């Protein structure tokens, strides 16, 4: 598909109603489910150590910048309890 064809195709999508696009997607997918679900999750970072060096990452820390490389068990439970209070079902 050329850039011109892609631009034309994407522009033409603006003329459709969202419900029509969703119906077409269901037909293509072969799935007539109309409900979209998600599950609230809590992230429990047991460590901030990482062997990769991703310059965009804001999560991992160098070992020398950490007070402790791992969460204490009490910290893990605290995060889990905070998630539970928000009706989170998965970690």
N, C-alpha and C. Protein backbone atom coordinates (compact mmCIF):
# COMPACT_ATOMS: atom_id res chain seq x y z
N UNK A 1 0.86 -1.17 0.00
CA UNK A 1 0.00 0.00 0.00
C UNK A 1 0.91 1.23 0.00
N UNK A 2 0.64 2.12 -0.92
CA UNK A 2 1.45 3.34 -1.00
C UNK A 2 1.03 4.32 0.09
N UNK A 3 1.87 5.32 0.32
CA UNK A 3 1.54 6.35 1.31
C UNK A 3 0.25 7.07 0.92
N UNK A 4 0.09 7.34 -0.37
CA UNK A 4 -1.13 8.01 -0.85
C UNK A 4 -2.37 7.15 -0.57
N UNK A 5 -2.27 5.85 -0.86
CA UNK A 5 -3.39 4.95 -0.61
C UNK A 5 -3.70 4.87 0.89
N UNK A 6 -2.66 4.80 1.70
CA UNK A 6 -2.86 4.75 3.14
C UNK A 6 -3.52 6.02 3.65
N UNK A 7 -3.03 7.18 3.20
CA UNK A 7 -3.64 8.46 3.60
C UNK A 7 -5.11 8.51 3.21
N UNK A 8 -5.42 8.06 1.98
CA UNK A 8 -6.81 8.06 1.51
C UNK A 8 -7.66 7.14 2.39
N UNK A 9 -7.13 5.96 2.69
CA UNK A 9 -7.85 4.99 3.51
C UNK A 9 -8.12 5.54 4.91
N UNK A 10 -7.09 6.09 5.53
CA UNK A 10 -7.25 6.63 6.89
C UNK A 10 -8.21 7.81 6.91
N UNK A 11 -8.15 8.66 5.91
CA UNK A 11 -9.07 9.80 5.83
C UNK A 11 -10.51 9.32 5.66
N UNK A 12 -10.69 8.25 4.87
CA UNK A 12 -12.05 7.74 4.64
C UNK A 12 -12.66 7.17 5.91
N UNK A 13 -11.83 6.72 6.85
CA UNK A 13 -12.37 6.17 8.09
C UNK A 13 -13.12 7.21 8.90
N UNK A 14 -12.76 8.47 8.75
CA UNK A 14 -13.43 9.54 9.49
C UNK A 14 -14.89 9.69 9.11
N UNK A 15 -15.29 9.14 7.97
CA UNK A 15 -16.68 9.29 7.53
C UNK A 15 -17.59 8.21 8.12
N UNK A 16 -17.02 7.26 8.85
CA UNK A 16 -17.81 6.17 9.44
C UNK A 16 -18.11 6.44 10.91
N UNK A 17 -19.23 5.93 11.35
CA UNK A 17 -19.58 5.98 12.76
C UNK A 17 -18.74 4.93 13.50
N UNK A 18 -18.38 5.24 14.73
CA UNK A 18 -17.57 4.31 15.52
C UNK A 18 -18.25 2.95 15.64
N UNK A 19 -19.55 2.93 15.86
CA UNK A 19 -20.26 1.65 16.00
C UNK A 19 -20.15 0.82 14.72
N UNK A 20 -20.16 1.48 13.55
CA UNK A 20 -20.01 0.75 12.28
C UNK A 20 -18.61 0.16 12.16
N UNK A 21 -17.60 0.94 12.55
CA UNK A 21 -16.22 0.44 12.50
C UNK A 21 -16.04 -0.74 13.46
N UNK A 22 -16.65 -0.65 14.64
CA UNK A 22 -16.55 -1.73 15.61
C UNK A 22 -17.23 -2.99 15.08
N UNK A 23 -18.38 -2.82 14.43
CA UNK A 23 -19.09 -3.96 13.86
C UNK A 23 -18.24 -4.63 12.78
N UNK A 24 -17.63 -3.83 11.93
CA UNK A 24 -16.78 -4.38 10.87
C UNK A 24 -15.59 -5.13 11.49
N UNK A 25 -15.01 -4.58 12.54
CA UNK A 25 -13.89 -5.25 13.21
C UNK A 25 -14.33 -6.60 13.78
N UNK A 26 -15.54 -6.65 14.36
CA UNK A 26 -16.06 -7.93 14.88
C UNK A 26 -16.23 -8.94 13.76
N UNK A 27 -16.72 -8.48 12.60
CA UNK A 27 -16.91 -9.38 11.46
C UNK A 27 -15.57 -9.93 10.98
N UNK A 28 -14.58 -9.06 10.87
CA UNK A 28 -13.26 -9.48 10.41
C UNK A 28 -12.64 -10.45 11.41
N UNK A 29 -12.81 -10.16 12.69
CA UNK A 29 -12.24 -10.98 13.75
C UNK A 29 -12.97 -12.32 13.86
N UNK A 30 -14.21 -12.38 13.36
CA UNK A 30 -14.97 -13.60 13.48
C UNK A 30 -15.50 -13.81 14.88
N UNK A 31 -15.81 -12.73 15.54
CA UNK A 31 -16.17 -12.76 16.94
C UNK A 31 -17.32 -11.80 17.14
N UNK A 32 -18.42 -12.28 17.66
CA UNK A 32 -19.57 -11.39 17.83
C UNK A 32 -19.71 -10.86 19.25
N UNK A 33 -18.65 -10.95 20.03
CA UNK A 33 -18.69 -10.38 21.37
C UNK A 33 -18.80 -8.87 21.29
N UNK A 34 -19.64 -8.29 22.11
CA UNK A 34 -19.81 -6.84 22.09
C UNK A 34 -19.33 -6.19 23.37
N UNK A 35 -18.78 -6.99 24.26
CA UNK A 35 -18.34 -6.48 25.54
C UNK A 35 -16.81 -6.45 25.58
N UNK A 36 -16.26 -5.33 25.96
CA UNK A 36 -14.83 -5.20 26.15
C UNK A 36 -14.59 -5.15 27.65
N UNK A 37 -13.71 -6.01 28.14
CA UNK A 37 -13.44 -6.04 29.57
C UNK A 37 -11.97 -5.77 29.85
N UNK A 38 -11.69 -5.45 31.07
CA UNK A 38 -10.32 -5.30 31.51
C UNK A 38 -10.26 -5.70 32.97
N UNK A 39 -9.09 -5.96 33.42
CA UNK A 39 -8.90 -6.34 34.81
C UNK A 39 -7.94 -5.36 35.46
N UNK A 40 -8.37 -4.76 36.56
CA UNK A 40 -7.49 -3.85 37.29
C UNK A 40 -6.36 -4.66 37.91
N UNK A 41 -5.15 -4.17 37.73
CA UNK A 41 -3.98 -4.87 38.26
C UNK A 41 -3.14 -3.90 39.08
N UNK A 42 -2.38 -4.46 40.00
CA UNK A 42 -1.41 -3.67 40.75
C UNK A 42 -0.03 -4.23 40.42
N UNK A 43 0.90 -3.34 40.18
CA UNK A 43 2.28 -3.75 39.88
C UNK A 43 3.08 -3.70 41.17
N UNK A 44 3.67 -4.82 41.52
CA UNK A 44 4.49 -4.90 42.73
C UNK A 44 5.93 -5.15 42.28
N UNK A 45 6.73 -4.09 42.24
CA UNK A 45 8.11 -4.24 41.77
C UNK A 45 9.00 -4.81 42.88
N UNK A 46 9.26 -6.09 42.83
CA UNK A 46 10.05 -6.72 43.88
C UNK A 46 11.47 -6.18 43.92
N UNK A 47 11.94 -5.68 42.77
CA UNK A 47 13.27 -5.08 42.69
C UNK A 47 13.27 -3.99 41.63
N UNK A 48 14.20 -3.06 41.76
CA UNK A 48 14.40 -2.06 40.72
C UNK A 48 15.70 -2.33 39.97
N UNK A 49 16.29 -3.48 40.23
CA UNK A 49 17.51 -3.88 39.54
C UNK A 49 17.17 -4.36 38.13
N UNK A 50 18.07 -4.09 37.19
CA UNK A 50 17.86 -4.56 35.82
C UNK A 50 19.22 -4.65 35.14
N UNK A 51 19.42 -5.70 34.39
CA UNK A 51 20.70 -5.87 33.70
C UNK A 51 20.74 -5.12 32.37
N UNK A 52 19.58 -4.69 31.86
CA UNK A 52 19.52 -3.94 30.61
C UNK A 52 19.86 -2.48 30.86
N UNK A 53 20.26 -1.80 29.82
CA UNK A 53 20.54 -0.37 29.92
C UNK A 53 19.66 0.33 28.88
N UNK A 54 18.43 0.57 29.24
CA UNK A 54 17.49 1.27 28.35
C UNK A 54 17.51 2.73 28.76
N UNK A 55 17.97 3.59 27.91
CA UNK A 55 18.14 4.99 28.27
C UNK A 55 16.81 5.71 28.48
N UNK A 56 15.71 5.13 28.00
CA UNK A 56 14.40 5.74 28.17
C UNK A 56 13.69 5.27 29.44
N UNK A 57 14.21 4.25 30.08
CA UNK A 57 13.55 3.65 31.23
C UNK A 57 13.65 4.55 32.46
N UNK A 58 12.53 4.73 33.11
CA UNK A 58 12.52 5.53 34.35
C UNK A 58 12.33 4.64 35.57
N UNK A 59 12.22 3.34 35.35
CA UNK A 59 11.95 2.42 36.44
C UNK A 59 13.22 1.86 37.08
N UNK A 60 14.06 1.24 36.27
CA UNK A 60 15.25 0.57 36.80
C UNK A 60 16.26 1.59 37.31
N UNK A 61 16.95 1.19 38.36
CA UNK A 61 17.97 2.05 38.98
C UNK A 61 19.30 1.30 39.04
N UNK A 62 20.37 2.04 39.03
CA UNK A 62 21.70 1.44 39.22
C UNK A 62 21.81 1.01 40.68
N UNK A 63 22.45 -0.13 40.95
CA UNK A 63 22.56 -0.62 42.33
C UNK A 63 23.09 0.42 43.31
N UNK A 64 24.04 1.24 42.89
CA UNK A 64 24.61 2.23 43.81
C UNK A 64 23.62 3.34 44.17
N UNK A 65 22.51 3.45 43.41
CA UNK A 65 21.51 4.49 43.69
C UNK A 65 20.35 3.97 44.54
N UNK A 66 20.41 2.71 44.93
CA UNK A 66 19.33 2.10 45.71
C UNK A 66 19.73 1.94 47.17
N UNK A 67 18.80 2.27 48.05
CA UNK A 67 19.04 1.99 49.47
C UNK A 67 19.02 0.49 49.72
N UNK A 68 18.07 -0.18 49.06
CA UNK A 68 17.93 -1.63 49.17
C UNK A 68 17.52 -2.15 47.80
N UNK A 69 18.15 -3.22 47.31
CA UNK A 69 17.82 -3.71 45.97
C UNK A 69 16.46 -4.39 45.87
N UNK A 70 15.89 -4.79 46.99
CA UNK A 70 14.62 -5.52 46.99
C UNK A 70 13.64 -4.88 47.96
N UNK A 71 12.35 -5.02 47.65
CA UNK A 71 11.33 -4.57 48.60
C UNK A 71 11.33 -5.50 49.81
N UNK A 72 11.06 -4.93 50.94
CA UNK A 72 10.88 -5.73 52.15
C UNK A 72 9.50 -6.40 52.06
N UNK A 73 9.33 -7.56 52.70
CA UNK A 73 8.03 -8.24 52.67
C UNK A 73 6.88 -7.32 53.10
N UNK A 74 7.13 -6.46 54.09
CA UNK A 74 6.08 -5.55 54.56
C UNK A 74 5.68 -4.56 53.45
N UNK A 75 6.66 -4.13 52.65
CA UNK A 75 6.37 -3.21 51.55
C UNK A 75 5.52 -3.90 50.48
N UNK A 76 5.84 -5.16 50.19
CA UNK A 76 5.07 -5.93 49.21
C UNK A 76 3.62 -6.05 49.68
N UNK A 77 3.44 -6.41 50.95
CA UNK A 77 2.09 -6.54 51.49
C UNK A 77 1.36 -5.21 51.50
N UNK A 78 2.04 -4.13 51.78
CA UNK A 78 1.42 -2.81 51.79
C UNK A 78 0.89 -2.45 50.40
N UNK A 79 1.70 -2.70 49.37
CA UNK A 79 1.25 -2.41 48.00
C UNK A 79 0.05 -3.28 47.65
N UNK A 80 0.10 -4.56 48.03
CA UNK A 80 -1.02 -5.47 47.75
C UNK A 80 -2.28 -5.01 48.47
N UNK A 81 -2.16 -4.57 49.71
CA UNK A 81 -3.31 -4.09 50.48
C UNK A 81 -3.89 -2.82 49.85
N UNK A 82 -3.03 -1.93 49.37
CA UNK A 82 -3.51 -0.72 48.70
C UNK A 82 -4.29 -1.09 47.44
N UNK A 83 -3.80 -2.08 46.72
CA UNK A 83 -4.52 -2.55 45.54
C UNK A 83 -5.85 -3.16 45.91
N UNK A 84 -5.86 -3.95 46.97
CA UNK A 84 -7.10 -4.58 47.43
C UNK A 84 -8.13 -3.52 47.80
N UNK A 85 -7.69 -2.45 48.42
CA UNK A 85 -8.60 -1.36 48.80
C UNK A 85 -9.22 -0.69 47.58
N UNK A 86 -8.55 -0.82 46.42
CA UNK A 86 -9.06 -0.25 45.17
C UNK A 86 -9.76 -1.32 44.32
N UNK A 87 -10.08 -2.45 44.94
CA UNK A 87 -10.77 -3.57 44.29
C UNK A 87 -9.97 -4.20 43.16
N UNK A 88 -8.66 -4.17 43.28
CA UNK A 88 -7.79 -4.82 42.30
C UNK A 88 -7.80 -6.31 42.57
N UNK A 89 -7.88 -7.10 41.51
CA UNK A 89 -7.96 -8.55 41.66
C UNK A 89 -6.70 -9.28 41.22
N UNK A 90 -5.78 -8.58 40.54
CA UNK A 90 -4.57 -9.24 40.04
C UNK A 90 -3.34 -8.41 40.36
N UNK A 91 -2.23 -9.11 40.54
CA UNK A 91 -0.94 -8.43 40.76
C UNK A 91 0.07 -9.00 39.81
